[in-house]
Amino acid sequence: MMAESNKASNKNGQEGGGTESDLLASAEMKTTEDVKVPKLLIDQVIGQERGVEVIKKAANQRRHVMLIGTPGTGKSMLASSMAELLPKEELQDLLVYPNAEDKNTPKIRIVPRGKGKEIVDAQKLEVSINEIFPNPTVKQVVFQITFPNLFYMENKIVGELQLKIMKEFPHSAFLFRRRLLFADIGPGVKAEALPGPLDEGEGKKIWQFKSDKNCQLNVLTDTLDISSPYHKTYNLEGGDKFRDIIKFVLDSFFEVTSIPIINRVGLRYIDECPIPSKDNDTFRLYYNSIFPTERFDLDDAKEMNFKTLIRKGDYFLSYIESLQKVGEEYKLILDFDGFAEKIASEECLEVTDKLHEIISKEYESTIKEPVYEYMRTRREV
């Protein structure tokens, strides 16, 4: 169906044989509060009787409608009113996505009414960093889970788990960590006089596994962590994904241990960011920093630190900014430590994805375009 705008309705009232005052002469009202506004939007349309008729018929027959007219003639209002007339329980949202394999055939996703806007709004908030940089600022990425102490763990690690992960982590070692106390107690003072117990128990057993690319896995009876100075992407195509390593280790670990609940899931990124010139103007050009450069001259600063722990819905983020001298140059150290608590084991990877998303957004909010250019520049090793 096609409805054209009723241009005649926009003509002066004199052509219809009456003035504006004549048309309102029979209306008894003192203020606009006396004007009764219909509940349905379609009943609020004035001067588009033919359009209203077409809209009602199309909604009743589940037909499409094309509205053509100059701006201000009521097309949007008529279209919105049609949505009110359709049965809400049958409405659906259609999301159209580009198809990389065939640009002429987009991908269509159908979701319940109202869900489409939620998805679009969420995707608008997603991090826009979508490239793998040859010279990333991240120097260390760590994934960690903690769980109730598993006293039977030793045999499982030495046997089943090691065999499952050996393909990715062929190098192994056993470490024993124990606290030591060094104290200058002076002549004539006995160790018993020192405050606090000296016996720290049996120490911690650590089973350590390494990949050929120096990705390291540490397993204790209550902790598992994976660290990597190698991976340049979490989940982008075109590079070795840190997420794949996490999934591989978790799948193997949970298959062996059958742990139902995880006390803490954490993901941490430590970035070492460039400061080409230690002055306020350059620093502001590169970063949206917490540092109060409007009060202090960066050139005079020997050290600057900021730390906060904030809640992000069901998640937490520890964020640290630190100005440090690395070698002969000053660097801005960004430390993002996201975590969640009391997580079902089958939800670990999904939670880690969310933590990565939170950290990525905060990182993107901190750096500016010159840092992107720095990361795109290949450096000689």
Protein backbone atom coordinates (compact mmCIF):
# COMPACT_ATOMS: atom_id res chain seq x y z
CA MET A 1 0.00 0.00 0.00
CA MET A 2 1.08 3.55 -0.62
CA ALA A 3 -0.15 6.69 1.14
CA GLU A 4 0.68 10.17 -0.10
CA SER A 5 0.66 13.16 2.21
CA ASN A 6 -2.48 15.24 2.20
CA LYS A 7 -1.12 18.58 1.08
CA ALA A 8 -4.58 20.06 0.92
CA SER A 9 -4.78 19.83 4.68
CA ASN A 10 -1.91 22.29 4.98
CA LYS A 11 -3.66 25.02 2.95
CA ASN A 12 -5.13 28.10 4.56
CA GLY A 13 -8.49 27.60 6.23
CA GLN A 14 -10.04 30.28 4.04
CA GLU A 15 -10.23 27.87 1.12
CA GLY A 16 -12.40 25.59 3.24
CA GLY A 17 -14.82 28.42 3.89
CA GLY A 18 -13.83 29.41 7.44
CA THR A 19 -11.18 31.10 9.55
CA GLU A 20 -9.27 29.55 12.48
CA SER A 21 -11.51 31.36 14.94
CA ASP A 22 -14.60 30.00 13.17
CA LEU A 23 -13.28 26.43 13.45
CA LEU A 24 -12.75 26.73 17.20
CA ALA A 25 -15.89 28.75 17.92
CA SER A 26 -17.85 25.73 19.15
CA ALA A 27 -15.03 24.49 21.39
CA GLU A 28 -15.53 25.38 25.03
CA MET A 29 -12.10 25.53 26.67
CA LYS A 30 -10.16 27.96 28.81
CA THR A 31 -6.66 26.40 28.77
CA THR A 32 -4.85 23.62 26.93
CA GLU A 33 -5.54 21.36 29.91
CA ASP A 34 -9.12 21.22 28.70
CA VAL A 35 -8.04 19.60 25.41
CA LYS A 36 -8.74 15.87 25.49
CA VAL A 37 -5.87 13.93 23.90
CA PRO A 38 -6.76 10.44 22.61
CA LYS A 39 -4.77 7.56 24.10
CA LEU A 40 -3.92 5.97 20.75
CA LEU A 41 -1.44 7.81 18.57
CA ILE A 42 -3.48 7.04 15.44
CA ASP A 43 -6.40 8.99 16.92
CA GLN A 44 -4.13 12.00 17.47
CA VAL A 45 -3.40 12.40 13.75
CA ILE A 46 -5.16 15.48 12.28
CA GLY A 47 -5.53 16.23 8.57
CA GLN A 48 -4.37 12.86 7.23
CA GLU A 49 -7.67 10.99 7.08
CA ARG A 50 -6.64 8.96 4.03
CA GLY A 51 -3.30 8.08 5.62
CA VAL A 52 -5.03 6.99 8.82
CA GLU A 53 -7.38 4.78 6.84
CA VAL A 54 -4.50 3.11 4.99
CA ILE A 55 -2.49 2.58 8.20
CA LYS A 56 -5.44 0.92 9.97
CA LYS A 57 -6.15 -1.34 7.01
CA ALA A 58 -2.45 -2.33 6.63
CA ALA A 59 -2.14 -3.13 10.34
CA ASN A 60 -5.30 -5.24 10.24
CA GLN A 61 -4.15 -7.14 7.14
CA ARG A 62 -0.48 -7.41 8.19
CA ARG A 63 0.57 -5.46 5.07
CA HIS A 64 3.56 -3.23 4.35
CA VAL A 65 3.16 0.53 3.96
CA MET A 66 5.31 3.04 2.09
CA LEU A 67 4.87 6.66 3.20
CA ILE A 68 5.97 9.40 0.80
CA GLY A 69 5.78 13.11 1.55
CA THR A 70 7.64 16.29 2.33
CA PRO A 71 9.08 16.82 5.83
CA GLY A 72 6.51 17.66 8.49
CA THR A 73 3.49 16.03 6.88
CA GLY A 74 3.18 13.31 9.55
CA LYS A 75 4.95 10.26 8.07
CA SER A 76 6.80 9.36 11.28
CA MET A 77 3.70 9.82 13.38
CA LEU A 78 1.66 7.56 11.10
CA ALA A 79 4.40 4.90 11.12
CA SER A 80 4.63 5.00 14.91
CA SER A 81 0.88 4.75 15.21
CA MET A 82 0.89 1.61 13.06
CA ALA A 83 3.26 -0.07 15.54
CA GLU A 84 0.67 0.57 18.27
CA LEU A 85 -2.04 -1.16 16.24
CA LEU A 86 -0.10 -4.37 15.65
CA PRO A 87 -0.45 -7.17 18.23
CA LYS A 88 2.54 -6.71 20.54
CA GLU A 89 2.87 -10.37 21.45
CA GLU A 90 3.59 -11.18 17.79
CA LEU A 91 6.10 -8.40 17.07
CA GLN A 92 9.74 -9.23 16.43
CA ASP A 93 12.92 -7.21 15.88
CA LEU A 94 15.11 -7.92 12.87
CA LEU A 95 18.83 -7.19 13.12
CA VAL A 96 20.79 -6.94 9.88
CA TYR A 97 24.51 -7.76 9.92
CA PRO A 98 27.08 -7.49 7.10
CA ASN A 99 28.06 -10.74 5.42
CA ALA A 100 31.79 -10.93 4.77
CA GLU A 101 31.30 -13.81 2.31
CA ASP A 102 28.59 -12.09 0.26
CA LYS A 103 28.08 -8.34 0.63
CA ASN A 104 24.81 -8.53 -1.30
CA THR A 105 23.28 -11.01 1.14
CA PRO A 106 23.32 -9.60 4.68
CA LYS A 107 22.83 -11.86 7.67
CA ILE A 108 19.46 -11.55 9.44
CA ARG A 109 18.89 -12.20 13.11
CA ILE A 110 15.35 -12.31 14.55
CA VAL A 111 14.89 -11.52 18.24
CA PRO A 112 11.86 -10.82 20.48
CA ARG A 113 10.27 -7.38 20.37
CA GLY A 114 12.36 -4.77 22.21
CA LYS A 115 15.43 -7.01 22.40
CA GLY A 116 16.88 -5.55 19.22
CA LYS A 117 17.45 -2.12 20.76
CA GLU A 118 19.11 -3.69 23.79
CA ILE A 119 21.52 -5.60 21.55
CA VAL A 120 22.30 -2.58 19.39
CA ASP A 121 22.89 -0.36 22.42
CA ALA A 122 25.18 -2.98 23.96
CA GLN A 123 27.16 -3.35 20.74
CA LYS A 124 27.59 0.43 20.53
CA LEU A 125 29.32 0.27 23.90
CA GLU A 126 31.65 -2.53 22.86
CA VAL A 127 35.31 -1.74 22.61
CA SER A 128 36.32 -0.36 19.22
CA ILE A 129 39.89 -1.69 19.31
CA ASN A 130 39.65 -4.26 16.55
CA GLU A 131 43.21 -4.63 15.31
CA ILE A 132 46.26 -6.58 16.41
CA PHE A 133 49.14 -4.19 16.99
CA PRO A 134 52.72 -5.19 16.15
CA ASN A 135 54.00 -3.17 19.11
CA PRO A 136 51.36 -3.40 21.89
CA THR A 137 51.85 -1.67 25.21
CA VAL A 138 50.77 -4.73 27.20
CA LYS A 139 53.78 -6.42 28.78
CA GLN A 140 52.05 -9.05 30.85
CA VAL A 141 48.61 -10.65 30.86
CA VAL A 142 47.57 -12.99 33.66
CA PHE A 143 44.53 -15.20 34.11
CA GLN A 144 43.86 -16.72 37.53
CA ILE A 145 41.28 -18.79 39.35
CA THR A 146 41.22 -19.68 43.03
CA PHE A 147 39.22 -22.53 44.52
CA PRO A 148 38.83 -24.49 47.76
CA ASN A 149 41.96 -26.35 48.73
CA LEU A 150 42.08 -29.69 46.90
CA PHE A 151 44.12 -32.01 49.07
CA TYR A 152 44.01 -34.79 46.50
CA MET A 153 45.41 -32.49 43.80
CA GLU A 154 49.01 -33.71 43.71
CA ASN A 155 48.33 -37.05 42.05
CA LYS A 156 45.89 -35.44 39.61
CA ILE A 157 48.45 -32.83 38.49
CA VAL A 158 51.39 -35.18 38.18
CA GLY A 159 49.28 -37.68 36.29
CA GLU A 160 46.11 -36.76 34.41
CA LEU A 161 46.41 -32.97 34.02
CA GLN A 162 50.02 -33.02 32.87
CA LEU A 163 49.21 -35.53 30.14
CA LYS A 164 46.22 -33.49 28.93
CA ILE A 165 48.15 -30.22 28.60
CA MET A 166 51.52 -31.61 27.51
CA LYS A 167 50.94 -30.74 23.84
CA GLU A 168 50.68 -27.02 24.61
CA PHE A 169 52.91 -27.01 27.71
CA PRO A 170 55.72 -29.52 27.08
CA HIS A 171 58.13 -28.10 29.70
CA SER A 172 57.47 -28.79 33.37
CA ALA A 173 59.04 -28.17 36.76
CA PHE A 174 58.21 -28.63 40.44
CA LEU A 175 58.81 -25.71 42.80
CA PHE A 176 58.53 -25.33 46.53
CA ARG A 177 57.78 -21.91 47.93
CA ARG A 178 58.36 -21.11 51.58
CA ARG A 179 58.60 -17.83 53.43
CA LEU A 180 61.93 -16.92 54.99
CA LEU A 181 62.60 -14.25 57.61
CA PHE A 182 65.80 -12.22 57.50
CA ALA A 183 66.37 -10.06 60.55
CA ASP A 184 69.30 -8.23 62.07
CA ILE A 185 68.53 -9.01 65.68
CA GLY A 186 71.79 -7.68 67.08
CA PRO A 187 74.12 -9.26 69.61
CA GLY A 188 72.60 -11.02 72.56
CA VAL A 189 69.07 -11.19 71.15
CA LYS A 190 67.51 -14.61 70.77
CA ALA A 191 65.25 -15.57 67.87
CA GLU A 192 62.51 -16.45 70.36
CA ALA A 193 62.26 -12.75 71.23
CA LEU A 194 61.11 -11.80 67.74
CA PRO A 195 57.39 -10.96 67.48
CA GLY A 196 55.16 -13.37 65.58
CA PRO A 197 55.63 -17.04 64.68
CA LEU A 198 58.62 -18.04 62.57
CA ASP A 199 57.09 -21.34 61.47
CA GLU A 200 55.13 -20.72 58.26
CA GLY A 201 54.08 -24.32 57.86
CA GLU A 202 55.08 -26.65 55.05
CA GLY A 203 55.13 -24.02 52.33
CA LYS A 204 53.48 -24.11 48.90
CA LYS A 205 53.95 -26.74 46.24
CA ILE A 206 53.85 -25.34 42.71
CA TRP A 207 53.61 -27.39 39.54
CA GLN A 208 54.84 -25.20 36.72
CA PHE A 209 54.34 -25.80 33.00
CA LYS A 210 55.67 -23.73 30.11
CA SER A 211 54.97 -23.57 26.39
CA ASP A 212 57.60 -23.14 23.69
CA LYS A 213 56.52 -19.47 23.45
CA ASN A 214 57.08 -18.85 27.18
CA CYS A 215 53.43 -18.94 28.21
CA GLN A 216 53.48 -20.17 31.80
CA LEU A 217 50.94 -22.19 33.79
CA ASN A 218 51.23 -22.51 37.57
CA VAL A 219 49.02 -24.94 39.48
CA LEU A 220 48.73 -25.06 43.26
CA THR A 221 46.27 -26.95 45.42
CA ASP A 222 44.06 -23.84 45.62
CA THR A 223 45.12 -21.68 42.65
CA LEU A 224 45.67 -21.87 38.90
CA ASP A 225 47.20 -19.04 36.90
CA ILE A 226 48.31 -18.52 33.31
CA SER A 227 50.68 -15.70 32.38
CA SER A 228 51.99 -14.67 28.99
CA PRO A 229 54.32 -11.95 27.71
CA TYR A 230 53.78 -13.30 24.19
CA HIS A 231 50.11 -13.01 23.27
CA LYS A 232 49.12 -9.79 21.46
CA THR A 233 45.37 -10.42 21.34
CA TYR A 234 42.70 -11.88 23.58
CA ASN A 235 40.26 -13.00 20.91
CA LEU A 236 40.88 -11.21 17.58
CA GLU A 237 41.38 -13.17 14.38
CA GLY A 238 44.84 -13.07 12.87
CA GLY A 239 46.93 -13.85 15.93
CA ASP A 240 47.46 -16.38 18.73
CA LYS A 241 44.54 -15.82 21.10
CA PHE A 242 45.10 -15.78 24.84
CA ARG A 243 41.47 -16.85 25.22
CA ASP A 244 42.19 -20.11 23.38
CA ILE A 245 44.91 -20.96 25.91
CA ILE A 246 42.59 -20.15 28.81
CA LYS A 247 39.83 -22.35 27.36
CA PHE A 248 42.23 -25.23 26.68
CA VAL A 249 43.58 -25.18 30.24
CA LEU A 250 40.17 -24.77 31.89
CA ASP A 251 38.61 -27.58 29.86
CA SER A 252 41.45 -29.90 30.85
CA PHE A 253 41.49 -28.80 34.49
CA PHE A 254 37.75 -29.10 35.06
CA GLU A 255 37.64 -32.47 33.32
CA VAL A 256 40.25 -33.75 35.76
CA THR A 257 39.02 -32.12 38.98
CA SER A 258 35.23 -31.68 38.47
CA ILE A 259 35.27 -28.51 40.63
CA PRO A 260 31.70 -27.10 40.80
CA ILE A 261 32.49 -23.60 42.14
CA ILE A 262 35.35 -21.12 41.74
CA ASN A 263 36.09 -18.67 44.55
CA ARG A 264 37.59 -16.01 42.29
CA VAL A 265 38.12 -15.51 38.56
CA GLY A 266 40.61 -12.82 37.61
CA LEU A 267 42.10 -11.28 34.46
CA ARG A 268 44.96 -8.78 34.70
CA TYR A 269 46.71 -6.63 32.09
CA ILE A 270 49.88 -4.67 32.83
CA ASP A 271 50.72 -2.07 30.17
CA GLU A 272 53.96 -0.12 29.81
CA CYS A 273 53.04 3.02 27.87
CA PRO A 274 55.40 5.53 26.21
CA ILE A 275 56.05 9.09 27.37
CA PRO A 276 58.10 10.60 24.51
CA SER A 277 58.65 13.86 26.36
CA LYS A 278 58.19 14.33 30.09
CA ASP A 279 56.07 17.46 29.99
CA ASN A 280 52.41 18.22 30.62
CA ASP A 281 51.46 19.05 27.03
CA THR A 282 52.84 15.80 25.59
CA PHE A 283 51.36 13.77 28.43
CA ARG A 284 47.88 15.22 27.87
CA LEU A 285 48.23 14.64 24.13
CA TYR A 286 48.83 10.91 24.76
CA TYR A 287 46.59 10.13 27.74
CA ASN A 288 43.37 10.86 29.59
CA SER A 289 45.19 10.45 32.88
CA ILE A 290 44.09 10.76 36.49
CA PHE A 291 47.29 12.65 37.29
CA PRO A 292 46.58 16.31 38.24
CA THR A 293 48.85 17.91 35.65
CA GLU A 294 46.90 21.13 36.03
CA ARG A 295 48.41 21.38 39.53
CA PHE A 296 51.79 19.70 39.15
CA ASP A 297 54.42 19.89 36.43
CA LEU A 298 55.16 16.38 35.15
CA ASP A 299 58.78 17.37 34.52
CA ASP A 300 59.25 17.84 38.28
CA ALA A 301 57.62 14.54 39.22
CA LYS A 302 59.85 11.65 40.23
CA GLU A 303 56.95 9.33 40.96
CA MET A 304 53.15 9.50 40.67
CA ASN A 305 50.66 6.83 41.69
CA PHE A 306 46.89 6.39 41.64
CA LYS A 307 44.90 3.33 42.71
CA THR A 308 41.19 2.58 42.95
CA LEU A 309 38.93 -0.44 43.36
CA ILE A 310 35.53 -0.03 41.76
CA ARG A 311 32.45 -2.18 41.20
CA LYS A 312 31.22 -2.80 37.66
CA GLY A 313 27.85 -4.48 38.12
CA ASP A 314 28.63 -8.06 39.19
CA TYR A 315 32.36 -7.52 38.61
CA PHE A 316 35.22 -5.60 40.20
CA LEU A 317 38.14 -3.67 38.74
CA SER A 318 41.34 -2.66 40.48
CA TYR A 319 42.94 0.13 38.45
CA ILE A 320 46.43 1.56 38.96
CA GLU A 321 48.21 4.38 37.14
CA SER A 322 51.88 4.77 37.94
CA LEU A 323 54.63 7.00 36.57
CA GLN A 324 57.86 5.01 36.73
CA LYS A 325 61.36 5.22 35.37
CA VAL A 326 62.11 2.15 33.28
CA GLY A 327 65.75 2.08 32.32
CA GLU A 328 66.58 5.60 31.19
CA GLU A 329 63.01 6.55 30.23
CA TYR A 330 59.84 7.35 32.11
CA LYS A 331 56.81 5.18 31.37
CA LEU A 332 53.15 5.27 32.31
CA ILE A 333 52.31 1.91 33.86
CA LEU A 334 48.63 0.93 33.58
CA ASP A 335 47.57 -2.01 35.72
CA PHE A 336 44.05 -3.40 35.15
CA ASP A 337 43.00 -6.24 37.45
CA GLY A 338 39.40 -7.37 36.87
CA PHE A 339 37.80 -10.12 38.91
CA ALA A 340 34.54 -11.78 39.95
CA GLU A 341 33.74 -13.99 42.93
CA LYS A 342 31.78 -17.20 43.54
CA ILE A 343 31.47 -18.33 39.93
CA ALA A 344 30.20 -21.69 38.68
CA SER A 345 32.99 -23.51 36.86
CA GLU A 346 31.04 -23.73 33.59
CA GLU A 347 30.70 -19.91 33.59
CA CYS A 348 34.42 -19.17 34.01
CA LEU A 349 35.15 -18.45 30.36
CA GLU A 350 32.05 -16.28 29.93
CA VAL A 351 33.02 -14.27 33.01
CA THR A 352 36.57 -13.88 31.69
CA ASP A 353 35.18 -12.52 28.41
CA LYS A 354 33.25 -9.91 30.38
CA LEU A 355 36.32 -8.97 32.41
CA HIS A 356 38.29 -8.52 29.20
CA GLU A 357 35.55 -6.27 27.83
CA ILE A 358 35.59 -4.11 30.98
CA ILE A 359 39.38 -3.79 30.95
CA SER A 360 39.47 -3.01 27.24
CA LYS A 361 36.97 -0.17 27.64
CA GLU A 362 38.96 1.35 30.48
CA TYR A 363 42.18 1.07 28.50
CA GLU A 364 40.57 2.67 25.48
CA SER A 365 39.27 5.49 27.69
CA THR A 366 42.80 6.17 28.95
CA ILE A 367 44.89 6.26 25.76
CA LYS A 368 44.65 8.68 22.83
CA GLU A 369 45.50 8.47 19.12
CA PRO A 370 49.31 8.94 19.47
CA VAL A 371 49.44 5.74 21.54
CA TYR A 372 47.61 3.85 18.78
CA GLU A 373 50.20 5.13 16.30
CA TYR A 374 52.97 4.02 18.64
CA MET A 375 51.50 0.50 18.80
CA ARG A 376 51.18 0.35 15.01
CA THR A 377 54.90 1.07 14.59
CA ARG A 378 57.06 -2.01 14.44
CA ARG A 379 60.05 -1.90 16.78
CA GLU A 380 63.39 -3.58 16.24
CA VAL A 381 64.13 -6.17 18.88
